[in-house]
PDB file of N, CA and C in Angstrom:
ATOM      1  N   MET A   1     -61.195  17.166  55.921  1.00  0.00           N
ATOM      2  CA  MET A   1     -60.573  18.814  55.231  1.00  0.00           C
ATOM      3  C   MET A   1     -61.321  19.151  54.505  1.00  0.00           C
ATOM      4  N   ALA A   2     -61.335  18.548  53.516  1.00  0.00           N
ATOM      5  CA  ALA A   2     -61.906  19.738  52.068  1.00  0.00           C
ATOM      6  C   ALA A   2     -63.441  20.485  53.360  1.00  0.00           C
ATOM      7  N   GLU A   3     -63.783  19.924  53.993  1.00  0.00           N
ATOM      8  CA  GLU A   3     -64.964  20.170  54.716  1.00  0.00           C
ATOM      9  C   GLU A   3     -64.486  21.864  54.996  1.00  0.00           C
ATOM     10  N   LEU A   4     -63.644  21.455  55.850  1.00  0.00           N
ATOM     11  CA  LEU A   4     -63.227  22.474  57.097  1.00  0.00           C
ATOM     12  C   LEU A   4     -62.172  24.319  56.061  1.00  0.00           C
ATOM     13  N   LEU A   5     -61.395  23.071  54.785  1.00  0.00           N
ATOM     14  CA  LEU A   5     -61.158  24.560  53.930  1.00  0.00           C
ATOM     15  C   LEU A   5     -61.904  25.814  53.702  1.00  0.00           C
ATOM     16  N   ALA A   6     -63.274  24.367  52.828  1.00  0.00           N
ATOM     17  CA  ALA A   6     -64.427  25.530  52.477  1.00  0.00           C
ATOM     18  C   ALA A   6     -65.422  26.267  53.304  1.00  0.00           C
ATOM     19  N   ASP A   7     -65.120  26.593  54.809  1.00  0.00           N
ATOM     20  CA  ASP A   7     -66.231  26.867  55.012  1.00  0.00           C
ATOM     21  C   ASP A   7     -65.773  28.591  55.458  1.00  0.00           C
ATOM     22  N   ASP A   8     -67.173  29.219  54.897  1.00  0.00           N
ATOM     23  CA  ASP A   8     -67.228  30.179  55.240  1.00  0.00           C
ATOM     24  C   ASP A   8     -66.656  31.042  56.143  1.00  0.00           C
ATOM     25  N   ALA A   9     -65.901  30.351  57.206  1.00  0.00           N
ATOM     26  CA  ALA A   9     -65.531  31.334  59.250  1.00  0.00           C
ATOM     27  C   ALA A   9     -64.134  31.025  58.269  1.00  0.00           C
ATOM     28  N   VAL A  10     -63.318  30.885  57.399  1.00  0.00           N
ATOM     29  CA  VAL A  10     -61.875  30.273  56.927  1.00  0.00           C
ATOM     30  C   VAL A  10     -61.821  31.819  55.676  1.00  0.00           C
ATOM     31  N   LYS A  11     -61.435  32.756  56.513  1.00  0.00           N
ATOM     32  CA  LYS A  11     -61.255  34.166  55.113  1.00  0.00           C
ATOM     33  C   LYS A  11     -58.827  34.546  55.386  1.00  0.00           C
ATOM     34  N   SER A  12     -58.743  33.854  56.301  1.00  0.00           N
ATOM     35  CA  SER A  12     -57.195  34.077  56.176  1.00  0.00           C
ATOM     36  C   SER A  12     -55.730  33.192  56.139  1.00  0.00           C
ATOM     37  N   ILE A  13     -55.110  33.747  56.071  1.00  0.00           N
ATOM     38  CA  ILE A  13     -53.957  32.113  55.975  1.00  0.00           C
ATOM     39  C   ILE A  13     -53.261  31.974  57.920  1.00  0.00           C
ATOM     40  N   SER A  14     -54.651  32.214  58.924  1.00  0.00           N
ATOM     41  CA  SER A  14     -53.884  32.004  59.873  1.00  0.00           C
ATOM     42  C   SER A  14     -55.235  31.279  60.323  1.00  0.00           C
ATOM     43  N   ASP A  15     -55.865  30.966  59.516  1.00  0.00           N
ATOM     44  CA  ASP A  15     -57.270  29.885  59.422  1.00  0.00           C
ATOM     45  C   ASP A  15     -57.029  28.819  58.871  1.00  0.00           C
ATOM     46  N   VAL A  16     -56.362  29.402  58.431  1.00  0.00           N
ATOM     47  CA  VAL A  16     -56.359  27.841  56.983  1.00  0.00           C
ATOM     48  C   VAL A  16     -55.127  26.704  58.233  1.00  0.00           C
ATOM     49  N   GLN A  17     -54.708  27.854  59.058  1.00  0.00           N
ATOM     50  CA  GLN A  17     -53.748  26.809  60.143  1.00  0.00           C
ATOM     51  C   GLN A  17     -54.719  26.394  61.440  1.00  0.00           C
ATOM     52  N   ALA A  18     -55.456  26.982  61.786  1.00  0.00           N
ATOM     53  CA  ALA A  18     -57.027  26.283  62.767  1.00  0.00           C
ATOM     54  C   ALA A  18     -57.371  25.443  61.926  1.00  0.00           C
ATOM     55  N   VAL A  19     -57.661  25.158  60.409  1.00  0.00           N
ATOM     56  CA  VAL A  19     -58.230  24.912  60.038  1.00  0.00           C
ATOM     57  C   VAL A  19     -57.197  22.715  60.296  1.00  0.00           C
ATOM     58  N   PHE A  20     -56.133  22.846  59.476  1.00  0.00           N
ATOM     59  CA  PHE A  20     -54.732  22.480  60.248  1.00  0.00           C
ATOM     60  C   PHE A  20     -54.976  21.621  61.566  1.00  0.00           C
ATOM     61  N   SER A  21     -55.283  22.437  62.636  1.00  0.00           N
ATOM     62  CA  SER A  21     -55.251  21.992  63.893  1.00  0.00           C
ATOM     63  C   SER A  21     -56.203  21.734  64.292  1.00  0.00           C
ATOM     64  N   THR A  22     -57.864  21.407  63.455  1.00  0.00           N
ATOM     65  CA  THR A  22     -59.048  21.736  64.255  1.00  0.00           C
ATOM     66  C   THR A  22     -59.127  20.274  62.449  1.00  0.00           C
ATOM     67  N   PHE A  23     -58.195  19.576  62.395  1.00  0.00           N
ATOM     68  CA  PHE A  23     -58.627  18.313  61.434  1.00  0.00           C
ATOM     69  C   PHE A  23     -58.043  16.804  62.127  1.00  0.00           C
ATOM     70  N   ASN A  24     -56.642  17.939  61.992  1.00  0.00           N
ATOM     71  CA  ASN A  24     -55.825  17.272  63.907  1.00  0.00           C
ATOM     72  C   ASN A  24     -56.621  16.270  64.735  1.00  0.00           C
ATOM     73  N   ASP A  25     -56.870  17.501  65.481  1.00  0.00           N
ATOM     74  CA  ASP A  25     -57.698  17.462  66.973  1.00  0.00           C
ATOM     75  C   ASP A  25     -58.856  16.681  66.636  1.00  0.00           C
ATOM     76  N   VAL A  26     -59.853  16.247  65.310  1.00  0.00           N
ATOM     77  CA  VAL A  26     -60.644  15.307  65.373  1.00  0.00           C
ATOM     78  C   VAL A  26     -60.422  14.323  64.757  1.00  0.00           C
ATOM     79  N   ARG A  27     -59.251  14.324  63.952  1.00  0.00           N
ATOM     80  CA  ARG A  27     -59.821  12.893  62.926  1.00  0.00           C
ATOM     81  C   ARG A  27     -58.108  12.352  62.953  1.00  0.00           C
ATOM     82  N   LYS A  28     -57.447  12.548  64.087  1.00  0.00           N
ATOM     83  CA  LYS A  28     -55.859  12.075  64.672  1.00  0.00           C
ATOM     84  C   LYS A  28     -56.165  10.978  65.080  1.00  0.00           C
ATOM     85  N   GLU A  29     -56.749  11.022  66.250  1.00  0.00           N
ATOM     86  CA  GLU A  29     -57.053   9.232  66.423  1.00  0.00           C
ATOM     87  C   GLU A  29     -57.418   7.911  65.558  1.00  0.00           C
ATOM     88  N   ARG A  30     -58.553   8.613  65.149  1.00  0.00           N
ATOM     89  CA  ARG A  30     -58.685   7.840  63.699  1.00  0.00           C
ATOM     90  C   ARG A  30     -58.523   6.788  63.298  1.00  0.00           C
ATOM     91  N   GLY A  31     -57.722   7.822  62.154  1.00  0.00           N
ATOM     92  CA  GLY A  31     -56.376   7.913  61.744  1.00  0.00           C
ATOM     93  C   GLY A  31     -55.195   7.083  61.925  1.00  0.00           C
ATOM     94  N   GLN A  32     -55.401   7.049  62.033  1.00  0.00           N
ATOM     95  CA  GLN A  32     -54.656   6.588  63.758  1.00  0.00           C
ATOM     96  C   GLN A  32     -54.102   4.734  64.073  1.00  0.00           C
ATOM     97  N   TRP A  33     -56.115   4.250  64.506  1.00  0.00           N
ATOM     98  CA  TRP A  33     -57.050   4.051  64.432  1.00  0.00           C
ATOM     99  C   TRP A  33     -56.615   2.834  63.305  1.00  0.00           C
ATOM    100  N   LEU A  34     -57.250   3.332  62.282  1.00  0.00           N
ATOM    101  CA  LEU A  34     -57.330   3.096  60.346  1.00  0.00           C
ATOM    102  C   LEU A  34     -55.643   2.535  59.681  1.00  0.00           C
ATOM    103  N   VAL A  35     -54.680   3.390  60.158  1.00  0.00           N
ATOM    104  CA  VAL A  35     -53.148   2.672  59.461  1.00  0.00           C
ATOM    105  C   VAL A  35     -53.139   1.042  61.102  1.00  0.00           C
ATOM    106  N   GLN A  36     -53.036   1.504  62.185  1.00  0.00           N
ATOM    107  CA  GLN A  36     -52.926   0.374  62.683  1.00  0.00           C
ATOM    108  C   GLN A  36     -53.794  -0.930  62.619  1.00  0.00           C
ATOM    109  N   SER A  37     -55.122  -0.613  62.019  1.00  0.00           N
ATOM    110  CA  SER A  37     -56.439  -1.663  61.900  1.00  0.00           C
ATOM    111  C   SER A  37     -56.162  -2.609  60.166  1.00  0.00           C
ATOM    112  N   SER A  38     -55.607  -1.681  60.028  1.00  0.00           N
ATOM    113  CA  SER A  38     -55.230  -1.979  58.487  1.00  0.00           C
ATOM    114  C   SER A  38     -54.280  -2.928  58.310  1.00  0.00           C
ATOM    115  N   ALA A  39     -52.589  -2.378  59.419  1.00  0.00           N
ATOM    116  CA  ALA A  39     -51.828  -3.481  59.689  1.00  0.00           C
ATOM    117  C   ALA A  39     -51.716  -4.946  60.535  1.00  0.00           C
ATOM    118  N   ARG A  40     -53.202  -4.789  60.954  1.00  0.00           N
ATOM    119  CA  ARG A  40     -53.751  -6.201  62.077  1.00  0.00           C
ATOM    120  C   ARG A  40     -54.686  -7.040  61.094  1.00  0.00           C
ATOM    121  N   ILE A  41     -55.905  -6.376  60.546  1.00  0.00           N
ATOM    122  CA  ILE A  41     -56.085  -6.559  58.949  1.00  0.00           C
ATOM    123  C   ILE A  41     -54.740  -7.760  57.826  1.00  0.00           C
ATOM    124  N   GLY A  42     -54.597  -7.208  57.911  1.00  0.00           N
ATOM    125  CA  GLY A  42     -53.160  -7.269  57.207  1.00  0.00           C
ATOM    126  C   GLY A  42     -52.854  -8.701  57.441  1.00  0.00           C
ATOM    127  N   ASN A  43     -52.146  -8.736  58.703  1.00  0.00           N
ATOM    128  CA  ASN A  43     -51.115 -10.172  59.866  1.00  0.00           C
ATOM    129  C   ASN A  43     -51.888 -10.966  60.150  1.00  0.00           C
ATOM    130  N   VAL A  44     -53.533 -10.469  60.189  1.00  0.00           N
ATOM    131  CA  VAL A  44     -54.832 -11.555  60.227  1.00  0.00           C
ATOM    132  C   VAL A  44     -54.922 -12.488  58.952  1.00  0.00           C
ATOM    133  N   TYR A  45     -54.712 -11.806  57.350  1.00  0.00           N
ATOM    134  CA  TYR A  45     -54.467 -12.662  56.266  1.00  0.00           C
ATOM    135  C   TYR A  45     -53.817 -13.257  56.240  1.00  0.00           C
ATOM    136  N   GLU A  46     -52.925 -12.802  56.559  1.00  0.00           N
ATOM    137  CA  GLU A  46     -51.377 -13.789  56.259  1.00  0.00           C
ATOM    138  C   GLU A  46     -51.142 -14.813  57.408  1.00  0.00           C
ATOM    139  N   TRP A  47     -51.745 -14.919  58.351  1.00  0.00           N
ATOM    140  CA  TRP A  47     -51.780 -16.065  59.641  1.00  0.00           C
ATOM    141  C   TRP A  47     -51.138 -15.436  59.994  1.00  0.00           C
ATOM    142  N   ARG A  48     -50.848 -13.871  60.728  1.00  0.00           N
ATOM    143  CA  ARG A  48     -50.134 -13.561  61.949  1.00  0.00           C
ATOM    144  C   ARG A  48     -49.885 -12.783  62.718  1.00  0.00           C
ATOM    145  N   ALA A  49     -51.451 -12.774  62.929  1.00  0.00           N
ATOM    146  CA  ALA A  49     -51.903 -12.280  63.931  1.00  0.00           C
ATOM    147  C   ALA A  49     -52.063 -12.520  65.524  1.00  0.00           C
ATOM    148  N   ASP A  50     -52.311 -12.082  66.086  1.00  0.00           N
ATOM    149  CA  ASP A  50     -52.327 -13.137  67.420  1.00  0.00           C
ATOM    150  C   ASP A  50     -53.143 -13.259  67.811  1.00  0.00           C
ATOM    151  N   GLY A  51     -53.387 -14.408  68.415  1.00  0.00           N
ATOM    152  CA  GLY A  51     -54.719 -14.436  69.391  1.00  0.00           C
ATOM    153  C   GLY A  51     -55.809 -14.934  67.998  1.00  0.00           C
ATOM    154  N   VAL A  52     -55.290 -14.507  66.355  1.00  0.00           N
ATOM    155  CA  VAL A  52     -56.476 -15.408  65.796  1.00  0.00           C
ATOM    156  C   VAL A  52     -55.954 -16.388  65.004  1.00  0.00           C
ATOM    157  N   ASP A  53     -54.378 -17.026  64.829  1.00  0.00           N
ATOM    158  CA  ASP A  53     -53.719 -18.337  64.094  1.00  0.00           C
ATOM    159  C   ASP A  53     -54.268 -18.068  63.252  1.00  0.00           C
ATOM    160  N   ARG A  54     -54.919 -19.561  62.685  1.00  0.00           N
ATOM    161  CA  ARG A  54     -55.757 -19.834  61.769  1.00  0.00           C
ATOM    162  C   ARG A  54     -56.682 -20.504  61.603  1.00  0.00           C
ATOM    163  N   ASP A  55     -57.984 -19.837  62.760  1.00  0.00           N
ATOM    164  CA  ASP A  55     -58.836 -20.035  62.886  1.00  0.00           C
ATOM    165  C   ASP A  55     -59.612 -19.242  62.215  1.00  0.00           C
ATOM    166  N   PHE A  56     -60.308 -19.720  60.838  1.00  0.00           N
ATOM    167  CA  PHE A  56     -60.799 -18.986  60.270  1.00  0.00           C
ATOM    168  C   PHE A  56     -63.046 -18.256  60.892  1.00  0.00           C
ATOM    169  N   GLY A  57     -63.064 -19.343  61.626  1.00  0.00           N
ATOM    170  CA  GLY A  57     -64.315 -17.985  62.487  1.00  0.00           C
ATOM    171  C   GLY A  57     -64.102 -16.482  63.410  1.00  0.00           C
ATOM    172  N   LYS A  58     -62.928 -17.099  63.738  1.00  0.00           N
ATOM    173  CA  LYS A  58     -61.583 -15.079  64.147  1.00  0.00           C
ATOM    174  C   LYS A  58     -61.708 -14.409  63.101  1.00  0.00           C
ATOM    175  N   MET A  59     -61.106 -15.081  62.340  1.00  0.00           N
ATOM    176  CA  MET A  59     -60.260 -14.473  60.677  1.00  0.00           C
ATOM    177  C   MET A  59     -62.025 -13.081  60.314  1.00  0.00           C
ATOM    178  N   GLU A  60     -62.701 -14.457  60.527  1.00  0.00           N
ATOM    179  CA  GLU A  60     -64.776 -13.826  59.523  1.00  0.00           C
ATOM    180  C   GLU A  60     -64.305 -12.801  60.614  1.00  0.00           C
ATOM    181  N   ARG A  61     -64.836 -13.088  62.223  1.00  0.00           N
ATOM    182  CA  ARG A  61     -65.043 -11.773  63.013  1.00  0.00           C
ATOM    183  C   ARG A  61     -64.925 -10.776  63.406  1.00  0.00           C
ATOM    184  N   GLU A  62     -62.947 -11.187  63.343  1.00  0.00           N
ATOM    185  CA  GLU A  62     -61.731  -9.694  63.273  1.00  0.00           C
ATOM    186  C   GLU A  62     -62.301  -9.278  62.321  1.00  0.00           C
ATOM    187  N   ILE A  63     -61.962  -9.175  60.998  1.00  0.00           N
ATOM    188  CA  ILE A  63     -61.724  -8.804  59.860  1.00  0.00           C
ATOM    189  C   ILE A  63     -63.216  -7.720  59.653  1.00  0.00           C
ATOM    190  N   ASN A  64     -64.166  -7.805  60.116  1.00  0.00           N
ATOM    191  CA  ASN A  64     -65.771  -7.727  59.639  1.00  0.00           C
ATOM    192  C   ASN A  64     -65.950  -7.413  60.976  1.00  0.00           C
ATOM    193  N   GLU A  65     -65.524  -7.085  62.087  1.00  0.00           N
ATOM    194  CA  GLU A  65     -66.190  -5.871  63.188  1.00  0.00           C
ATOM    195  C   GLU A  65     -65.057  -4.581  62.429  1.00  0.00           C
ATOM    196  N   ARG A  66     -63.840  -4.201  62.359  1.00  0.00           N
ATOM    197  CA  ARG A  66     -63.168  -3.513  61.761  1.00  0.00           C
ATOM    198  C   ARG A  66     -63.660  -2.894  60.884  1.00  0.00           C
ATOM    199  N   ASN A  67     -64.067  -4.164  59.404  1.00  0.00           N
ATOM    200  CA  ASN A  67     -64.860  -2.582  58.349  1.00  0.00           C
ATOM    201  C   ASN A  67     -65.861  -2.292  58.862  1.00  0.00           C
ATOM    202  N   ASP A  68     -66.881  -2.205  59.544  1.00  0.00           N
ATOM    203  CA  ASP A  68     -67.228  -2.374  60.312  1.00  0.00           C
ATOM    204  C   ASP A  68     -67.533  -0.409  60.971  1.00  0.00           C
ATOM    205  N   THR A  69     -66.454  -0.368  61.919  1.00  0.00           N
ATOM    206  CA  THR A  69     -65.493   0.702  62.223  1.00  0.00           C
ATOM    207  C   THR A  69     -65.222   1.529  61.080  1.00  0.00           C
ATOM    208  N   ILE A  70     -64.645   0.729  59.958  1.00  0.00           N
ATOM    209  CA  ILE A  70     -64.370   2.005  59.008  1.00  0.00           C
ATOM    210  C   ILE A  70     -65.677   2.788  58.914  1.00  0.00           C
ATOM    211  N   GLY A  71     -66.515   1.776  57.664  1.00  0.00           N
ATOM    212  CA  GLY A  71     -67.596   2.004  57.111  1.00  0.00           C
ATOM    213  C   GLY A  71     -68.755   1.506  57.332  1.00  0.00           C
ATOM    214  N   GLY A  72     -69.080   0.858  58.622  1.00  0.00           N
ATOM    215  CA  GLY A  72     -70.542   0.685  58.418  1.00  0.00           C
ATOM    216  C   GLY A  72     -71.572   1.914  58.615  1.00  0.00           C
ATOM    217  N   GLU A  73     -72.367   0.909  59.345  1.00  0.00           N
ATOM    218  CA  GLU A  73     -74.169   2.077  58.723  1.00  0.00           C
ATOM    219  C   GLU A  73     -73.532   3.423  60.510  1.00  0.00           C
ATOM    220  N   ASP A  74     -72.929   3.052  61.643  1.00  0.00           N
ATOM    221  CA  ASP A  74     -73.026   3.506  62.486  1.00  0.00           C
ATOM    222  C   ASP A  74     -71.920   4.846  62.005  1.00  0.00           C
ATOM    223  N   VAL A  75     -71.145   4.698  60.549  1.00  0.00           N
ATOM    224  CA  VAL A  75     -70.118   5.896  60.511  1.00  0.00           C
ATOM    225  C   VAL A  75     -70.886   7.049  59.883  1.00  0.00           C
ATOM    226  N   ASP A  76     -71.080   8.216  60.051  1.00  0.00           N
ATOM    227  CA  ASP A  76     -71.997   9.529  59.964  1.00  0.00           C
ATOM    228  C   ASP A  76     -70.876  10.796  59.328  1.00  0.00           C
ATOM    229  N   VAL A  77     -70.303  10.560  58.135  1.00  0.00           N
ATOM    230  CA  VAL A  77     -69.390  11.252  57.855  1.00  0.00           C
ATOM    231  C   VAL A  77     -69.867  12.924  58.013  1.00  0.00           C
ATOM    232  N   SER A  78     -71.195  12.885  57.223  1.00  0.00           N
ATOM    233  CA  SER A  78     -71.217  14.516  57.850  1.00  0.00           C
ATOM    234  C   SER A  78     -72.227  14.918  59.194  1.00  0.00           C
ATOM    235  N   GLU A  79     -72.374  14.372  59.895  1.00  0.00           N
ATOM    236  CA  GLU A  79     -72.113  13.954  61.262  1.00  0.00           C
ATOM    237  C   GLU A  79     -70.464  14.813  61.681  1.00  0.00           C
ATOM    238  N   MET A  80     -69.389  14.208  60.966  1.00  0.00           N
ATOM    239  CA  MET A  80     -68.549  14.153  61.524  1.00  0.00           C
ATOM    240  C   MET A  80     -68.150  14.958  61.199  1.00  0.00           C
ATOM    241  N   CYS A  81     -67.955  16.097  60.083  1.00  0.00           N
ATOM    242  CA  CYS A  81     -67.691  17.452  59.394  1.00  0.00           C
ATOM    243  C   CYS A  81     -69.130  18.038  60.087  1.00  0.00           C
ATOM    244  N   LYS A  82     -69.840  18.243  60.657  1.00  0.00           N
ATOM    245  CA  LYS A  82     -69.918  19.031  61.017  1.00  0.00           C
ATOM    246  C   LYS A  82     -70.022  19.404  62.192  1.00  0.00           C
ATOM    247  N   GLN A  83     -69.209  18.547  63.346  1.00  0.00           N
ATOM    248  CA  GLN A  83     -68.882  18.708  64.593  1.00  0.00           C
ATOM    249  C   GLN A  83     -68.003  18.783  63.891  1.00  0.00           C
ATOM    250  N   ALA A  84     -66.715  18.495  62.989  1.00  0.00           N
ATOM    251  CA  ALA A  84     -65.323  19.347  63.294  1.00  0.00           C
ATOM    252  C   ALA A  84     -65.432  20.826  62.821  1.00  0.00           C
ATOM    253  N   ARG A  85     -66.995  21.484  61.452  1.00  0.00           N
ATOM    254  CA  ARG A  85     -66.663  22.793  61.799  1.00  0.00           C
ATOM    255  C   ARG A  85     -67.068  23.536  62.567  1.00  0.00           C
ATOM    256  N   ALA A  86     -67.982  23.047  63.718  1.00  0.00           N
ATOM    257  CA  ALA A  86     -68.293  23.863  64.985  1.00  0.00           C
ATOM    258  C   ALA A  86     -66.503  23.714  65.923  1.00  0.00           C
ATOM    259  N   THR A  87     -65.831  22.348  66.085  1.00  0.00           N
ATOM    260  CA  THR A  87     -65.612  22.633  66.523  1.00  0.00           C
ATOM    261  C   THR A  87     -64.184  24.092  65.800  1.00  0.00           C
ATOM    262  N   LEU A  88     -64.192  24.070  64.754  1.00  0.00           N
ATOM    263  CA  LEU A  88     -62.788  25.170  63.815  1.00  0.00           C
ATOM    264  C   LEU A  88     -63.531  26.592  64.223  1.00  0.00           C
ATOM    265  N   ARG A  89     -65.216  26.704  64.315  1.00  0.00           N
ATOM    266  CA  ARG A  89     -65.570  27.440  64.645  1.00  0.00           C
ATOM    267  C   ARG A  89     -65.339  28.580  65.840  1.00  0.00           C
ATOM    268  N   GLN A  90     -65.370  27.172  66.407  1.00  0.00           N
ATOM    269  CA  GLN A  90     -65.184  27.598  68.866  1.00  0.00           C
ATOM    270  C   GLN A  90     -63.489  28.017  68.018  1.00  0.00           C
ATOM    271  N   LYS A  91     -62.734  27.470  67.330  1.00  0.00           N
ATOM    272  CA  LYS A  91     -61.069  27.856  67.120  1.00  0.00           C
ATOM    273  C   LYS A  91     -61.045  29.533  67.093  1.00  0.00           C
ATOM    274  N   LEU A  92     -62.430  29.894  65.769  1.00  0.00           N
ATOM    275  CA  LEU A  92     -62.156  31.074  65.003  1.00  0.00           C
ATOM    276  C   LEU A  92     -62.130  32.154  65.964  1.00  0.00           C
ATOM    277  N   SER A  93     -63.597  32.347  66.669  1.00  0.00           N
ATOM    278  CA  SER A  93     -63.867  32.741  66.534  1.00  0.00           C
ATOM    279  C   SER A  93     -63.222  33.086  68.659  1.00  0.00           C
ATOM    280  N   ALA A  94     -62.403  32.272  69.161  1.00  0.00           N
ATOM    281  CA  ALA A  94     -61.783  32.493  70.181  1.00  0.00           C
ATOM    282  C   ALA A  94     -60.436  32.972  69.909  1.00  0.00           C
TER     283      ALA A  94
END
């Protein structure tokens, strides 16, 4: 959000509305996944997760897979920001 708000292309209040719209477009799916994943990991820790039960190997794999998706080596925040800025600029030029 901060990267989009700081973009030089943002010059008016209507541009700020485009920032919010862009942020929603590019981040909503991941944001929803993060909330659901956090709840899932909590259920794993509490031994309430379907398919995991009290199997420590399954618990570890599930938690590690989700943590890798959240912040593993494949997550390139600067690339995410670059793509979001490109999407914003497309909206502002339309």
